[in-house]
PDB file of N, CA and C in Angstrom:
ATOM      1  N   MET A   1      -2.075   5.702  10.571  1.00  0.00           N
ATOM      2  CA  MET A   1      -2.780   4.479  10.151  1.00  0.00           C
ATOM      3  C   MET A   1      -1.989   3.086   9.656  1.00  0.00           C
ATOM      4  N   PRO A   2      -1.891   2.245  10.033  1.00  0.00           N
ATOM      5  CA  PRO A   2      -0.898   1.195   9.959  1.00  0.00           C
ATOM      6  C   PRO A   2      -1.029   0.957   8.293  1.00  0.00           C
ATOM      7  N   ARG A   3      -0.187   0.455   7.532  1.00  0.00           N
ATOM      8  CA  ARG A   3      -0.745  -0.028   6.135  1.00  0.00           C
ATOM      9  C   ARG A   3       0.226  -1.258   5.735  1.00  0.00           C
ATOM     10  N   TYR A   4      -0.164  -2.237   5.288  1.00  0.00           N
ATOM     11  CA  TYR A   4       0.013  -3.589   4.936  1.00  0.00           C
ATOM     12  C   TYR A   4      -0.013  -4.051   3.669  1.00  0.00           C
ATOM     13  N   GLN A   5       0.883  -5.095   3.461  1.00  0.00           N
ATOM     14  CA  GLN A   5       1.035  -5.643   1.878  1.00  0.00           C
ATOM     15  C   GLN A   5      -0.237  -6.533   2.136  1.00  0.00           C
ATOM     16  N   PHE A   6      -0.948  -6.691   1.084  1.00  0.00           N
ATOM     17  CA  PHE A   6      -2.048  -8.008   1.050  1.00  0.00           C
ATOM     18  C   PHE A   6      -1.787  -8.593  -0.407  1.00  0.00           C
ATOM     19  N   LYS A   7      -2.380  -9.669  -0.036  1.00  0.00           N
ATOM     20  CA  LYS A   7      -1.758 -10.931  -1.332  1.00  0.00           C
ATOM     21  C   LYS A   7      -3.018 -12.025  -1.186  1.00  0.00           C
ATOM     22  N   CYS A   8      -3.701 -12.134  -2.379  1.00  0.00           N
ATOM     23  CA  CYS A   8      -4.770 -12.973  -2.509  1.00  0.00           C
ATOM     24  C   CYS A   8      -3.993 -14.436  -3.204  1.00  0.00           C
ATOM     25  N   GLY A   9      -4.263 -15.680  -2.191  1.00  0.00           N
ATOM     26  CA  GLY A   9      -3.770 -16.722  -2.709  1.00  0.00           C
ATOM     27  C   GLY A   9      -4.357 -17.450  -4.020  1.00  0.00           C
ATOM     28  N   SER A  10      -5.636 -17.076  -4.225  1.00  0.00           N
ATOM     29  CA  SER A  10      -6.074 -17.757  -5.359  1.00  0.00           C
ATOM     30  C   SER A  10      -5.820 -17.052  -6.821  1.00  0.00           C
ATOM     31  N   CYS A  11      -5.810 -15.739  -6.583  1.00  0.00           N
ATOM     32  CA  CYS A  11      -5.777 -15.022  -8.172  1.00  0.00           C
ATOM     33  C   CYS A  11      -4.014 -14.161  -8.284  1.00  0.00           C
ATOM     34  N   LYS A  12      -3.342 -14.487  -7.136  1.00  0.00           N
ATOM     35  CA  LYS A  12      -2.219 -13.378  -6.939  1.00  0.00           C
ATOM     36  C   LYS A  12      -2.109 -12.068  -6.921  1.00  0.00           C
ATOM     37  N   TYR A  13      -3.443 -11.437  -6.652  1.00  0.00           N
ATOM     38  CA  TYR A  13      -3.366 -10.036  -7.026  1.00  0.00           C
ATOM     39  C   TYR A  13      -2.869  -9.554  -5.607  1.00  0.00           C
ATOM     40  N   GLU A  14      -2.078  -8.450  -5.463  1.00  0.00           N
ATOM     41  CA  GLU A  14      -1.223  -7.624  -4.702  1.00  0.00           C
ATOM     42  C   GLU A  14      -1.998  -6.118  -4.484  1.00  0.00           C
ATOM     43  N   CYS A  15      -1.906  -5.715  -3.219  1.00  0.00           N
ATOM     44  CA  CYS A  15      -2.083  -4.268  -2.892  1.00  0.00           C
ATOM     45  C   CYS A  15      -1.252  -3.958  -1.603  1.00  0.00           C
ATOM     46  N   ILE A  16      -1.335  -2.515  -1.483  1.00  0.00           N
ATOM     47  CA  ILE A  16      -0.938  -1.991  -0.251  1.00  0.00           C
ATOM     48  C   ILE A  16      -2.189  -1.031   0.374  1.00  0.00           C
ATOM     49  N   GLY A  17      -2.715  -1.572   1.581  1.00  0.00           N
ATOM     50  CA  GLY A  17      -3.980  -1.062   2.170  1.00  0.00           C
ATOM     51  C   GLY A  17      -3.434  -0.912   3.715  1.00  0.00           C
ATOM     52  N   SER A  18      -4.856  -0.605   4.284  1.00  0.00           N
ATOM     53  CA  SER A  18      -5.239  -0.525   5.651  1.00  0.00           C
ATOM     54  C   SER A  18      -6.362  -1.159   6.035  1.00  0.00           C
ATOM     55  N   ILE A  19      -6.529  -1.480   7.198  1.00  0.00           N
ATOM     56  CA  ILE A  19      -7.726  -2.304   7.864  1.00  0.00           C
ATOM     57  C   ILE A  19      -8.481  -1.446   8.590  1.00  0.00           C
ATOM     58  N   GLY A  20      -9.632  -1.370   8.559  1.00  0.00           N
ATOM     59  CA  GLY A  20     -10.570  -0.505   8.973  1.00  0.00           C
ATOM     60  C   GLY A  20     -10.359   0.898   8.974  1.00  0.00           C
ATOM     61  N   VAL A  21     -11.191   1.723   9.859  1.00  0.00           N
ATOM     62  CA  VAL A  21     -11.286   3.269   9.470  1.00  0.00           C
ATOM     63  C   VAL A  21     -10.447   4.185  10.678  1.00  0.00           C
ATOM     64  N   GLU A  22      -9.737   4.912  10.324  1.00  0.00           N
ATOM     65  CA  GLU A  22      -9.369   6.139  11.177  1.00  0.00           C
ATOM     66  C   GLU A  22     -10.031   7.016  11.431  1.00  0.00           C
ATOM     67  N   GLN A  23     -10.827   7.199  12.806  1.00  0.00           N
ATOM     68  CA  GLN A  23     -11.741   8.384  12.574  1.00  0.00           C
ATOM     69  C   GLN A  23     -11.002   9.635  13.252  1.00  0.00           C
ATOM     70  N   GLY A  24     -11.299  10.641  12.765  1.00  0.00           N
ATOM     71  CA  GLY A  24     -10.797  12.024  13.448  1.00  0.00           C
ATOM     72  C   GLY A  24     -11.995  12.699  13.340  1.00  0.00           C
ATOM     73  N   ILE A  25     -11.999  13.845  14.052  1.00  0.00           N
ATOM     74  CA  ILE A  25     -13.053  14.959  14.266  1.00  0.00           C
ATOM     75  C   ILE A  25     -13.336  15.440  12.867  1.00  0.00           C
ATOM     76  N   HIS A  26     -12.763  15.879  11.759  1.00  0.00           N
ATOM     77  CA  HIS A  26     -12.856  16.779  10.613  1.00  0.00           C
ATOM     78  C   HIS A  26     -12.863  15.672   9.423  1.00  0.00           C
ATOM     79  N   SER A  27     -12.422  14.674   9.710  1.00  0.00           N
ATOM     80  CA  SER A  27     -12.239  13.697   8.462  1.00  0.00           C
ATOM     81  C   SER A  27     -12.024  12.287   9.034  1.00  0.00           C
ATOM     82  N   PHE A  28     -11.734  11.412   7.935  1.00  0.00           N
ATOM     83  CA  PHE A  28     -11.549  10.263   8.443  1.00  0.00           C
ATOM     84  C   PHE A  28     -10.430   9.528   7.122  1.00  0.00           C
ATOM     85  N   LYS A  29      -9.899   8.384   7.736  1.00  0.00           N
ATOM     86  CA  LYS A  29      -8.841   7.873   6.750  1.00  0.00           C
ATOM     87  C   LYS A  29      -9.426   6.353   6.362  1.00  0.00           C
ATOM     88  N   ALA A  30      -9.412   5.819   5.117  1.00  0.00           N
ATOM     89  CA  ALA A  30      -9.643   4.463   4.876  1.00  0.00           C
ATOM     90  C   ALA A  30      -9.104   4.165   3.742  1.00  0.00           C
ATOM     91  N   SER A  31      -8.946   3.037   3.433  1.00  0.00           N
ATOM     92  CA  SER A  31      -8.720   2.245   2.195  1.00  0.00           C
ATOM     93  C   SER A  31     -10.129   1.874   1.414  1.00  0.00           C
ATOM     94  N   MET A  32     -10.036   2.581   0.404  1.00  0.00           N
ATOM     95  CA  MET A  32     -11.156   2.344  -0.292  1.00  0.00           C
ATOM     96  C   MET A  32     -11.171   1.650  -1.537  1.00  0.00           C
ATOM     97  N   LEU A  33     -11.999   1.012  -2.134  1.00  0.00           N
ATOM     98  CA  LEU A  33     -11.857   0.142  -3.565  1.00  0.00           C
ATOM     99  C   LEU A  33     -12.696   0.827  -4.648  1.00  0.00           C
ATOM    100  N   CYS A  34     -12.681   0.674  -5.668  1.00  0.00           N
ATOM    101  CA  CYS A  34     -12.976   1.763  -6.666  1.00  0.00           C
ATOM    102  C   CYS A  34     -13.856   0.446  -7.471  1.00  0.00           C
ATOM    103  N   GLY A  35     -14.894   0.605  -7.626  1.00  0.00           N
ATOM    104  CA  GLY A  35     -15.921  -0.160  -8.239  1.00  0.00           C
ATOM    105  C   GLY A  35     -15.576  -0.298  -9.841  1.00  0.00           C
ATOM    106  N   GLU A  36     -15.084   0.490 -10.480  1.00  0.00           N
ATOM    107  CA  GLU A  36     -14.623   0.621 -11.805  1.00  0.00           C
ATOM    108  C   GLU A  36     -13.400  -0.508 -12.235  1.00  0.00           C
ATOM    109  N   CYS A  37     -12.222   0.304 -11.552  1.00  0.00           N
ATOM    110  CA  CYS A  37     -11.097  -0.403 -11.794  1.00  0.00           C
ATOM    111  C   CYS A  37     -10.716  -1.811 -10.942  1.00  0.00           C
ATOM    112  N   LYS A  38     -11.188  -1.731  -9.733  1.00  0.00           N
ATOM    113  CA  LYS A  38     -11.029  -2.651  -8.947  1.00  0.00           C
ATOM    114  C   LYS A  38      -9.626  -2.523  -7.840  1.00  0.00           C
ATOM    115  N   GLU A  39      -9.501  -1.374  -7.936  1.00  0.00           N
ATOM    116  CA  GLU A  39      -7.889  -1.107  -7.276  1.00  0.00           C
ATOM    117  C   GLU A  39      -8.428  -0.247  -5.716  1.00  0.00           C
ATOM    118  N   ILE A  40      -7.500  -0.809  -4.861  1.00  0.00           N
ATOM    119  CA  ILE A  40      -7.321  -0.008  -3.339  1.00  0.00           C
ATOM    120  C   ILE A  40      -6.479   0.717  -3.666  1.00  0.00           C
ATOM    121  N   ASN A  41      -6.793   2.043  -2.810  1.00  0.00           N
ATOM    122  CA  ASN A  41      -5.895   3.269  -2.591  1.00  0.00           C
ATOM    123  C   ASN A  41      -6.272   3.697  -0.951  1.00  0.00           C
ATOM    124  N   ASN A  42      -5.643   4.469  -0.840  1.00  0.00           N
ATOM    125  CA  ASN A  42      -5.732   5.157   0.812  1.00  0.00           C
ATOM    126  C   ASN A  42      -6.566   6.357   0.758  1.00  0.00           C
ATOM    127  N   TYR A  43      -7.232   6.950   1.392  1.00  0.00           N
ATOM    128  CA  TYR A  43      -8.216   8.329   0.922  1.00  0.00           C
ATOM    129  C   TYR A  43      -8.133   8.878   2.296  1.00  0.00           C
ATOM    130  N   THR A  44      -8.125  10.241   2.285  1.00  0.00           N
ATOM    131  CA  THR A  44      -8.972  11.114   3.653  1.00  0.00           C
ATOM    132  C   THR A  44     -10.090  11.717   2.946  1.00  0.00           C
ATOM    133  N   VAL A  45     -11.302  11.755   3.842  1.00  0.00           N
ATOM    134  CA  VAL A  45     -12.303  11.935   3.271  1.00  0.00           C
ATOM    135  C   VAL A  45     -13.167  13.056   4.406  1.00  0.00           C
ATOM    136  N   SER A  46     -13.250  14.190   4.142  1.00  0.00           N
ATOM    137  CA  SER A  46     -13.856  15.328   4.789  1.00  0.00           C
ATOM    138  C   SER A  46     -15.167  15.039   5.351  1.00  0.00           C
ATOM    139  N   ARG A  47     -15.491  15.142   6.716  1.00  0.00           N
ATOM    140  CA  ARG A  47     -16.683  15.373   7.313  1.00  0.00           C
ATOM    141  C   ARG A  47     -18.054  16.078   6.859  1.00  0.00           C
ATOM    142  N   LYS A  48     -19.359  15.634   6.684  1.00  0.00           N
ATOM    143  CA  LYS A  48     -20.240  16.781   6.613  1.00  0.00           C
ATOM    144  C   LYS A  48     -19.941  17.733   7.969  1.00  0.00           C
ATOM    145  N   GLY A  49     -19.754  18.977   7.804  1.00  0.00           N
ATOM    146  CA  GLY A  49     -20.035  19.909   8.814  1.00  0.00           C
ATOM    147  C   GLY A  49     -18.743  20.210   9.433  1.00  0.00           C
ATOM    148  N   GLY A  50     -17.492  19.362   8.764  1.00  0.00           N
ATOM    149  CA  GLY A  50     -15.901  19.758   9.097  1.00  0.00           C
ATOM    150  C   GLY A  50     -15.707  20.928   8.713  1.00  0.00           C
ATOM    151  N   ILE A  51     -14.421  20.983   9.285  1.00  0.00           N
ATOM    152  CA  ILE A  51     -13.624  22.200   8.748  1.00  0.00           C
ATOM    153  C   ILE A  51     -13.396  22.079   7.625  1.00  0.00           C
ATOM    154  N   ASP A  52     -13.316  21.157   6.845  1.00  0.00           N
ATOM    155  CA  ASP A  52     -13.154  21.161   5.149  1.00  0.00           C
ATOM    156  C   ASP A  52     -14.306  20.666   4.328  1.00  0.00           C
ATOM    157  N   ASP A  53     -15.499  20.819   4.963  1.00  0.00           N
ATOM    158  CA  ASP A  53     -16.847  20.609   4.303  1.00  0.00           C
ATOM    159  C   ASP A  53     -17.170  21.496   3.149  1.00  0.00           C
ATOM    160  N   LYS A  54     -16.392  22.702   3.379  1.00  0.00           N
ATOM    161  CA  LYS A  54     -16.584  23.725   2.197  1.00  0.00           C
ATOM    162  C   LYS A  54     -15.836  23.462   0.760  1.00  0.00           C
ATOM    163  N   ILE A  55     -14.962  22.576   1.262  1.00  0.00           N
ATOM    164  CA  ILE A  55     -14.229  22.279  -0.132  1.00  0.00           C
ATOM    165  C   ILE A  55     -14.741  21.037  -0.614  1.00  0.00           C
ATOM    166  N   GLU A  56     -14.788  21.028  -2.062  1.00  0.00           N
ATOM    167  CA  GLU A  56     -15.143  20.183  -2.490  1.00  0.00           C
ATOM    168  C   GLU A  56     -14.658  18.582  -2.538  1.00  0.00           C
ATOM    169  N   ASN A  57     -15.770  17.873  -1.985  1.00  0.00           N
ATOM    170  CA  ASN A  57     -15.458  16.498  -1.204  1.00  0.00           C
ATOM    171  C   ASN A  57     -15.863  15.395  -2.228  1.00  0.00           C
ATOM    172  N   GLU A  58     -15.523  15.526  -3.258  1.00  0.00           N
ATOM    173  CA  GLU A  58     -15.944  14.435  -4.236  1.00  0.00           C
ATOM    174  C   GLU A  58     -14.505  13.370  -4.372  1.00  0.00           C
ATOM    175  N   SER A  59     -14.910  12.060  -4.029  1.00  0.00           N
ATOM    176  CA  SER A  59     -13.750  11.477  -3.906  1.00  0.00           C
ATOM    177  C   SER A  59     -13.560  10.527  -5.370  1.00  0.00           C
ATOM    178  N   ILE A  60     -12.226  10.825  -5.701  1.00  0.00           N
ATOM    179  CA  ILE A  60     -12.020  10.543  -7.274  1.00  0.00           C
ATOM    180  C   ILE A  60     -10.509   9.307  -7.364  1.00  0.00           C
ATOM    181  N   CYS A  61     -11.228   8.099  -7.936  1.00  0.00           N
ATOM    182  CA  CYS A  61     -10.223   7.002  -7.793  1.00  0.00           C
ATOM    183  C   CYS A  61      -8.830   7.679  -8.125  1.00  0.00           C
ATOM    184  N   LYS A  62      -7.458   7.196  -7.281  1.00  0.00           N
ATOM    185  CA  LYS A  62      -6.235   7.662  -7.912  1.00  0.00           C
ATOM    186  C   LYS A  62      -5.682   6.741  -9.117  1.00  0.00           C
ATOM    187  N   SER A  63      -6.127   5.576  -9.181  1.00  0.00           N
ATOM    188  CA  SER A  63      -5.910   4.672 -10.549  1.00  0.00           C
ATOM    189  C   SER A  63      -6.229   4.668 -11.697  1.00  0.00           C
ATOM    190  N   CYS A  64      -7.730   5.039 -11.660  1.00  0.00           N
ATOM    191  CA  CYS A  64      -8.431   5.554 -13.121  1.00  0.00           C
ATOM    192  C   CYS A  64      -9.001   6.585 -13.089  1.00  0.00           C
ATOM    193  N   GLY A  65      -9.298   7.559 -12.213  1.00  0.00           N
ATOM    194  CA  GLY A  65      -9.888   8.942 -12.267  1.00  0.00           C
ATOM    195  C   GLY A  65     -11.112   8.614 -12.262  1.00  0.00           C
ATOM    196  N   ALA A  66     -12.223   7.463 -12.022  1.00  0.00           N
ATOM    197  CA  ALA A  66     -13.378   7.273 -11.869  1.00  0.00           C
ATOM    198  C   ALA A  66     -13.786   8.121 -10.368  1.00  0.00           C
ATOM    199  N   TYR A  67     -15.010   8.523 -10.410  1.00  0.00           N
ATOM    200  CA  TYR A  67     -15.232   9.224  -9.396  1.00  0.00           C
ATOM    201  C   TYR A  67     -16.847   8.770  -8.981  1.00  0.00           C
ATOM    202  N   LYS A  68     -17.336   8.364  -7.913  1.00  0.00           N
ATOM    203  CA  LYS A  68     -18.694   7.902  -7.472  1.00  0.00           C
ATOM    204  C   LYS A  68     -18.919   6.573  -7.619  1.00  0.00           C
ATOM    205  N   HIS A  69     -17.618   5.707  -7.435  1.00  0.00           N
ATOM    206  CA  HIS A  69     -17.524   4.406  -7.469  1.00  0.00           C
ATOM    207  C   HIS A  69     -16.469   3.779  -6.340  1.00  0.00           C
ATOM    208  N   LEU A  70     -16.345   4.993  -5.420  1.00  0.00           N
ATOM    209  CA  LEU A  70     -15.452   4.401  -4.205  1.00  0.00           C
ATOM    210  C   LEU A  70     -16.326   3.758  -2.993  1.00  0.00           C
ATOM    211  N   LYS A  71     -15.658   2.740  -2.187  1.00  0.00           N
ATOM    212  CA  LYS A  71     -16.607   2.284  -1.246  1.00  0.00           C
ATOM    213  C   LYS A  71     -15.344   2.021  -0.415  1.00  0.00           C
ATOM    214  N   ILE A  72     -15.757   1.922   0.863  1.00  0.00           N
ATOM    215  CA  ILE A  72     -14.637   1.468   2.264  1.00  0.00           C
ATOM    216  C   ILE A  72     -14.513  -0.021   1.789  1.00  0.00           C
ATOM    217  N   TRP A  73     -13.266  -0.294   2.053  1.00  0.00           N
ATOM    218  CA  TRP A  73     -12.850  -1.987   1.616  1.00  0.00           C
ATOM    219  C   TRP A  73     -13.013  -2.499   2.993  1.00  0.00           C
ATOM    220  N   ASP A  74     -13.324  -3.461   3.059  1.00  0.00           N
ATOM    221  CA  ASP A  74     -13.332  -4.326   4.223  1.00  0.00           C
ATOM    222  C   ASP A  74     -12.023  -5.383   4.799  1.00  0.00           C
ATOM    223  N   GLY A  75     -10.773  -5.201   3.832  1.00  0.00           N
ATOM    224  CA  GLY A  75      -9.635  -5.601   4.266  1.00  0.00           C
ATOM    225  C   GLY A  75      -9.683  -7.116   4.417  1.00  0.00           C
ATOM    226  N   LEU A  76     -10.530  -7.758   3.997  1.00  0.00           N
ATOM    227  CA  LEU A  76     -10.959  -9.382   4.018  1.00  0.00           C
ATOM    228  C   LEU A  76     -11.107  -9.916   2.674  1.00  0.00           C
ATOM    229  N   THR A  77     -11.666  -9.343   1.674  1.00  0.00           N
ATOM    230  CA  THR A  77     -12.033  -9.923   0.447  1.00  0.00           C
ATOM    231  C   THR A  77     -11.049  -9.309  -0.829  1.00  0.00           C
ATOM    232  N   CYS A  78     -10.431 -10.140  -1.613  1.00  0.00           N
ATOM    233  CA  CYS A  78      -9.961  -9.651  -2.683  1.00  0.00           C
ATOM    234  C   CYS A  78     -10.830  -9.124  -3.553  1.00  0.00           C
ATOM    235  N   PRO A  79     -10.511  -7.802  -4.307  1.00  0.00           N
ATOM    236  CA  PRO A  79     -11.185  -7.151  -5.256  1.00  0.00           C
ATOM    237  C   PRO A  79     -11.469  -7.689  -6.578  1.00  0.00           C
ATOM    238  N   LYS A  80     -10.734  -8.556  -6.944  1.00  0.00           N
ATOM    239  CA  LYS A  80     -10.685  -8.986  -8.169  1.00  0.00           C
ATOM    240  C   LYS A  80     -11.838 -10.282  -8.209  1.00  0.00           C
ATOM    241  N   CYS A  81     -11.420 -11.120  -7.385  1.00  0.00           N
ATOM    242  CA  CYS A  81     -11.978 -12.702  -7.494  1.00  0.00           C
ATOM    243  C   CYS A  81     -12.937 -12.577  -6.167  1.00  0.00           C
ATOM    244  N   THR A  82     -13.153 -11.633  -5.196  1.00  0.00           N
ATOM    245  CA  THR A  82     -14.031 -11.772  -4.326  1.00  0.00           C
ATOM    246  C   THR A  82     -13.647 -13.050  -3.142  1.00  0.00           C
ATOM    247  N   ASN A  83     -12.567 -13.945  -3.164  1.00  0.00           N
ATOM    248  CA  ASN A  83     -12.034 -14.611  -2.149  1.00  0.00           C
ATOM    249  C   ASN A  83     -10.983 -13.988  -0.981  1.00  0.00           C
ATOM    250  N   PRO A  84     -10.881 -14.999   0.136  1.00  0.00           N
ATOM    251  CA  PRO A  84     -10.283 -14.239   0.883  1.00  0.00           C
ATOM    252  C   PRO A  84      -8.871 -13.836   0.763  1.00  0.00           C
ATOM    253  N   ILE A  85      -8.391 -12.623   1.317  1.00  0.00           N
ATOM    254  CA  ILE A  85      -6.890 -11.929   0.930  1.00  0.00           C
ATOM    255  C   ILE A  85      -6.157 -11.982   2.207  1.00  0.00           C
ATOM    256  N   ARG A  86      -4.945 -11.921   2.412  1.00  0.00           N
ATOM    257  CA  ARG A  86      -4.392 -11.792   3.643  1.00  0.00           C
ATOM    258  C   ARG A  86      -3.169 -10.625   3.739  1.00  0.00           C
ATOM    259  N   ALA A  87      -2.761 -10.304   4.504  1.00  0.00           N
ATOM    260  CA  ALA A  87      -1.991  -9.079   5.111  1.00  0.00           C
ATOM    261  C   ALA A  87      -0.725 -10.185   5.305  1.00  0.00           C
ATOM    262  N   ILE A  88       0.325  -9.561   4.588  1.00  0.00           N
ATOM    263  CA  ILE A  88       1.781 -10.107   4.579  1.00  0.00           C
ATOM    264  C   ILE A  88       2.500  -9.045   5.424  1.00  0.00           C
ATOM    265  N   GLY A  89       3.096  -9.638   6.379  1.00  0.00           N
ATOM    266  CA  GLY A  89       4.326  -9.089   6.943  1.00  0.00           C
ATOM    267  C   GLY A  89       3.760  -7.889   7.908  1.00  0.00           C
ATOM    268  N   TYR A  90       4.481  -6.880   8.235  1.00  0.00           N
ATOM    269  CA  TYR A  90       4.416  -5.895   8.957  1.00  0.00           C
ATOM    270  C   TYR A  90       4.059  -4.513   8.250  1.00  0.00           C
ATOM    271  N   ASP A  91       3.781  -3.540   9.204  1.00  0.00           N
ATOM    272  CA  ASP A  91       3.545  -2.012   8.695  1.00  0.00           C
ATOM    273  C   ASP A  91       4.576  -1.687   7.662  1.00  0.00           C
ATOM    274  N   VAL A  92       3.983  -1.632   6.456  1.00  0.00           N
ATOM    275  CA  VAL A  92       5.340  -1.065   5.049  1.00  0.00           C
ATOM    276  C   VAL A  92       5.860   0.318   5.457  1.00  0.00           C
ATOM    277  N   ASP A  93       4.942   1.256   6.243  1.00  0.00           N
ATOM    278  CA  ASP A  93       5.440   2.524   6.656  1.00  0.00           C
ATOM    279  C   ASP A  93       6.392   2.510   7.937  1.00  0.00           C
ATOM    280  N   ALA A  94       6.372   1.484   8.909  1.00  0.00           N
ATOM    281  CA  ALA A  94       7.231   1.421   9.867  1.00  0.00           C
ATOM    282  C   ALA A  94       8.709   1.583   9.745  1.00  0.00           C
ATOM    283  N   THR A  95       9.405   2.393  10.601  1.00  0.00           N
ATOM    284  CA  THR A  95      10.608   2.454  10.417  1.00  0.00           C
ATOM    285  C   THR A  95      11.532   0.943  11.214  1.00  0.00           C
ATOM    286  N   LYS A  96      12.409   0.673  10.234  1.00  0.00           N
ATOM    287  CA  LYS A  96      13.007  -1.231  10.374  1.00  0.00           C
ATOM    288  C   LYS A  96      14.261  -0.651  11.279  1.00  0.00           C
ATOM    289  N   SER A  97      14.001  -1.081  12.459  1.00  0.00           N
ATOM    290  CA  SER A  97      15.134  -1.205  13.458  1.00  0.00           C
ATOM    291  C   SER A  97      16.526  -1.972  12.787  1.00  0.00           C
ATOM    292  N   SER A  98      17.887  -1.579  12.893  1.00  0.00           N
ATOM    293  CA  SER A  98      19.024  -2.348  12.597  1.00  0.00           C
ATOM    294  C   SER A  98      19.149  -3.622  13.652  1.00  0.00           C
ATOM    295  N   ARG A  99      19.619  -4.612  13.110  1.00  0.00           N
ATOM    296  CA  ARG A  99      19.801  -5.902  14.108  1.00  0.00           C
ATOM    297  C   ARG A  99      21.248  -5.402  15.131  1.00  0.00           C
ATOM    298  N   PHE A 100      21.966  -4.800  14.194  1.00  0.00           N
ATOM    299  CA  PHE A 100      23.305  -4.437  14.518  1.00  0.00           C
ATOM    300  C   PHE A 100      23.427  -3.012  15.109  1.00  0.00           C
ATOM    301  N   LYS A 101      24.314  -2.795  16.281  1.00  0.00           N
ATOM    302  CA  LYS A 101      24.084  -1.516  16.776  1.00  0.00           C
ATOM    303  C   LYS A 101      25.572  -1.144  16.473  1.00  0.00           C
ATOM    304  N   TRP A 102      25.753  -0.108  15.952  1.00  0.00           N
ATOM    305  CA  TRP A 102      27.221   0.480  15.915  1.00  0.00           C
ATOM    306  C   TRP A 102      27.695   1.060  17.181  1.00  0.00           C
ATOM    307  N   ARG A 103      28.782   0.875  17.508  1.00  0.00           N
ATOM    308  CA  ARG A 103      29.532   1.512  18.295  1.00  0.00           C
ATOM    309  C   ARG A 103      30.611   2.453  17.791  1.00  0.00           C
ATOM    310  N   VAL A 104      30.533   3.499  18.606  1.00  0.00           N
ATOM    311  CA  VAL A 104      31.507   4.623  18.083  1.00  0.00           C
ATOM    312  C   VAL A 104      32.633   4.622  19.009  1.00  0.00           C
TER     313      VAL A 104
END
């Protein structure tokens, strides 16, 4: 799932997240917003009835440790000021190709 750097033009909030939800058979991946600390992190959540359903599936915020306050982030709204937020640049995890090729 590609991740991008986001920046709010109004309050200058910055984060790294993804847009949308990556669906899997037993789980899904998404950027989620914590209602307590207003931070965005990426999570993998197992589905009910999936292979990992027996494992405790309580999502806990990676920033503040709060639980039951996470919801899927829309990728369009700044979590701090609720104004529009924009993705800047390319996928932060993509390998960067060199402009210059070395010859041996």
